Amino acid sequence: MKLVFTAPALADLNDVLSYTAERYPGLLAALRTRIDAVLEHIRTYPKTGRVLDNAPGVRVVPLLRFPFRIFYRENAARIEVLHIHHTARKSPF
C-alpha cells in the first residue's frame, strides 16, 4: 500500500531529525533506521497500530527505543502519516 506524509507529518519528521542531529548526533542513524522500519511495518500491516478512542480512524504506533509515536490513517488507496510526535508532549489527537 502507498504511504504518504501530510504536511504536518513532514514538518514533524524534519523537526525530529534536526533536533536529534543537533543534540544527539550519535543516535541519528539509529533513529532514521527505526523510523524507516516502523513505516515499512505500517505500510505492510496497516491495522497493527492502536486505534485512538478520541479520533476514529486514526492509529498510533510507538517507535519503542525512541520517545516518539507515529500517527496515521488508512483508507482504500493509501496510508497517510499524520504526525510524528514526542511522547512527553500532548497528543495531537
C-alpha atoms as a PDB file:
ATOM      1  CA  MET A   1       0.000   0.000   0.000  1.00  0.00           C
ATOM      2  CA  LYS A   2       1.194   3.520  -0.747  1.00  0.00           C
ATOM      3  CA  LEU A   3       2.458   5.587   2.209  1.00  0.00           C
ATOM      4  CA  VAL A   4       2.166   9.392   2.050  1.00  0.00           C
ATOM      5  CA  PHE A   5       3.078  12.123   4.522  1.00  0.00           C
ATOM      6  CA  THR A   6       0.839  15.071   5.292  1.00  0.00           C
ATOM      7  CA  ALA A   7       2.495  18.494   5.508  1.00  0.00           C
ATOM      8  CA  PRO A   8       2.365  18.433   9.342  1.00  0.00           C
ATOM      9  CA  ALA A   9       3.968  14.966   9.382  1.00  0.00           C
ATOM     10  CA  LEU A  10       6.795  16.145   7.125  1.00  0.00           C
ATOM     11  CA  ALA A  11       7.367  19.138   9.399  1.00  0.00           C
ATOM     12  CA  ASP A  12       7.366  16.821  12.431  1.00  0.00           C
ATOM     13  CA  LEU A  13       9.865  14.485  10.773  1.00  0.00           C
ATOM     14  CA  ASN A  14      12.146  17.375   9.896  1.00  0.00           C
ATOM     15  CA  ASP A  15      11.961  18.713  13.463  1.00  0.00           C
ATOM     16  CA  VAL A  16      12.672  15.291  14.994  1.00  0.00           C
ATOM     17  CA  LEU A  17      15.647  14.632  12.755  1.00  0.00           C
ATOM     18  CA  SER A  18      17.063  18.159  13.096  1.00  0.00           C
ATOM     19  CA  TYR A  19      16.771  18.119  16.876  1.00  0.00           C
ATOM     20  CA  THR A  20      18.372  14.677  17.090  1.00  0.00           C
ATOM     21  CA  ALA A  21      21.197  15.666  14.725  1.00  0.00           C
ATOM     22  CA  GLU A  22      21.912  18.761  16.813  1.00  0.00           C
ATOM     23  CA  ARG A  23      21.596  17.251  20.300  1.00  0.00           C
ATOM     24  CA  TYR A  24      22.304  13.532  19.825  1.00  0.00           C
ATOM     25  CA  PRO A  25      24.236  13.089  16.562  1.00  0.00           C
ATOM     26  CA  GLY A  26      25.365   9.602  17.537  1.00  0.00           C
ATOM     27  CA  LEU A  27      21.742   8.425  17.612  1.00  0.00           C
ATOM     28  CA  LEU A  28      20.650   9.935  14.313  1.00  0.00           C
ATOM     29  CA  ALA A  29      21.387   6.899  12.123  1.00  0.00           C
ATOM     30  CA  ALA A  30      19.650   4.544  14.562  1.00  0.00           C
ATOM     31  CA  LEU A  31      16.615   6.837  14.756  1.00  0.00           C
ATOM     32  CA  ARG A  32      16.340   7.041  10.961  1.00  0.00           C
ATOM     33  CA  THR A  33      16.638   3.254  10.715  1.00  0.00           C
ATOM     34  CA  ARG A  34      13.913   2.797  13.349  1.00  0.00           C
ATOM     35  CA  ILE A  35      11.556   5.291  11.687  1.00  0.00           C
ATOM     36  CA  ASP A  36      12.057   3.570   8.324  1.00  0.00           C
ATOM     37  CA  ALA A  37      11.410   0.144   9.877  1.00  0.00           C
ATOM     38  CA  VAL A  38       8.217   1.285  11.614  1.00  0.00           C
ATOM     39  CA  LEU A  39       6.961   2.994   8.452  1.00  0.00           C
ATOM     40  CA  GLU A  40       7.599  -0.175   6.452  1.00  0.00           C
ATOM     41  CA  HIS A  41       5.730  -2.177   9.098  1.00  0.00           C
ATOM     42  CA  ILE A  42       2.789   0.242   8.908  1.00  0.00           C
ATOM     43  CA  ARG A  43       2.820   0.025   5.114  1.00  0.00           C
ATOM     44  CA  THR A  44       2.818  -3.769   5.205  1.00  0.00           C
ATOM     45  CA  TYR A  45       0.475  -4.253   8.179  1.00  0.00           C
ATOM     46  CA  PRO A  46      -1.615  -1.069   8.468  1.00  0.00           C
ATOM     47  CA  LYS A  47      -4.058  -2.468  11.013  1.00  0.00           C
ATOM     48  CA  THR A  48      -1.400  -3.169  13.679  1.00  0.00           C
ATOM     49  CA  GLY A  49      -1.461   0.316  15.177  1.00  0.00           C
ATOM     50  CA  ARG A  50      -3.668   1.020  18.174  1.00  0.00           C
ATOM     51  CA  VAL A  51      -6.894   2.810  17.223  1.00  0.00           C
ATOM     52  CA  LEU A  52      -7.433   6.051  19.119  1.00  0.00           C
ATOM     53  CA  ASP A  53     -10.702   6.314  21.012  1.00  0.00           C
ATOM     54  CA  ASN A  54     -10.976  10.071  20.517  1.00  0.00           C
ATOM     55  CA  ALA A  55     -10.031  10.118  16.798  1.00  0.00           C
ATOM     56  CA  PRO A  56     -11.912   7.485  14.782  1.00  0.00           C
ATOM     57  CA  GLY A  57      -9.801   6.010  12.009  1.00  0.00           C
ATOM     58  CA  VAL A  58      -6.517   7.280  13.424  1.00  0.00           C
ATOM     59  CA  ARG A  59      -3.962   4.733  14.602  1.00  0.00           C
ATOM     60  CA  VAL A  60      -0.734   5.137  16.545  1.00  0.00           C
ATOM     61  CA  VAL A  61       2.498   3.135  16.702  1.00  0.00           C
ATOM     62  CA  PRO A  62       5.356   3.843  19.126  1.00  0.00           C
ATOM     63  CA  LEU A  63       8.976   3.838  17.992  1.00  0.00           C
ATOM     64  CA  LEU A  64       9.781   1.905  21.208  1.00  0.00           C
ATOM     65  CA  ARG A  65      13.517   2.605  21.618  1.00  0.00           C
ATOM     66  CA  PHE A  66      12.884   6.282  20.926  1.00  0.00           C
ATOM     67  CA  PRO A  67      10.299   8.517  22.630  1.00  0.00           C
ATOM     68  CA  PHE A  68       8.163   9.144  19.566  1.00  0.00           C
ATOM     69  CA  ARG A  69       4.874   7.896  18.168  1.00  0.00           C
ATOM     70  CA  ILE A  70       3.674   7.840  14.584  1.00  0.00           C
ATOM     71  CA  PHE A  71       0.023   8.708  13.994  1.00  0.00           C
ATOM     72  CA  TYR A  72      -1.559   7.567  10.748  1.00  0.00           C
ATOM     73  CA  ARG A  73      -4.808   6.799   8.968  1.00  0.00           C
ATOM     74  CA  GLU A  74      -5.584   4.164   6.356  1.00  0.00           C
ATOM     75  CA  ASN A  75      -8.029   4.487   3.511  1.00  0.00           C
ATOM     76  CA  ALA A  76      -8.668   2.338   0.446  1.00  0.00           C
ATOM     77  CA  ALA A  77      -5.887   3.887  -1.644  1.00  0.00           C
ATOM     78  CA  ARG A  78      -3.135   4.794   0.818  1.00  0.00           C
ATOM     79  CA  ILE A  79      -1.839   5.258   4.322  1.00  0.00           C
ATOM     80  CA  GLU A  80      -1.465   8.862   5.457  1.00  0.00           C
ATOM     81  CA  VAL A  81       1.152   9.628   8.091  1.00  0.00           C
ATOM     82  CA  LEU A  82      -0.447  12.438  10.083  1.00  0.00           C
ATOM     83  CA  HIS A  83       2.109  13.245  12.805  1.00  0.00           C
ATOM     84  CA  ILE A  84       5.320  12.094  14.413  1.00  0.00           C
ATOM     85  CA  HIS A  85       5.093  13.208  17.995  1.00  0.00           C
ATOM     86  CA  HIS A  86       7.284  13.086  21.124  1.00  0.00           C
ATOM     87  CA  THR A  87       5.700  11.014  23.886  1.00  0.00           C
ATOM     88  CA  ALA A  88       6.295  13.727  26.501  1.00  0.00           C
ATOM     89  CA  ARG A  89       4.169  16.199  24.595  1.00  0.00           C
ATOM     90  CA  LYS A  90       0.406  16.370  24.492  1.00  0.00           C
ATOM     91  CA  SER A  91      -1.021  14.141  21.765  1.00  0.00           C
ATOM     92  CA  PRO A  92      -2.260  15.966  18.647  1.00  0.00           C
ATOM     93  CA  PHE A  93      -5.481  13.899  18.878  1.00  0.00           C
END
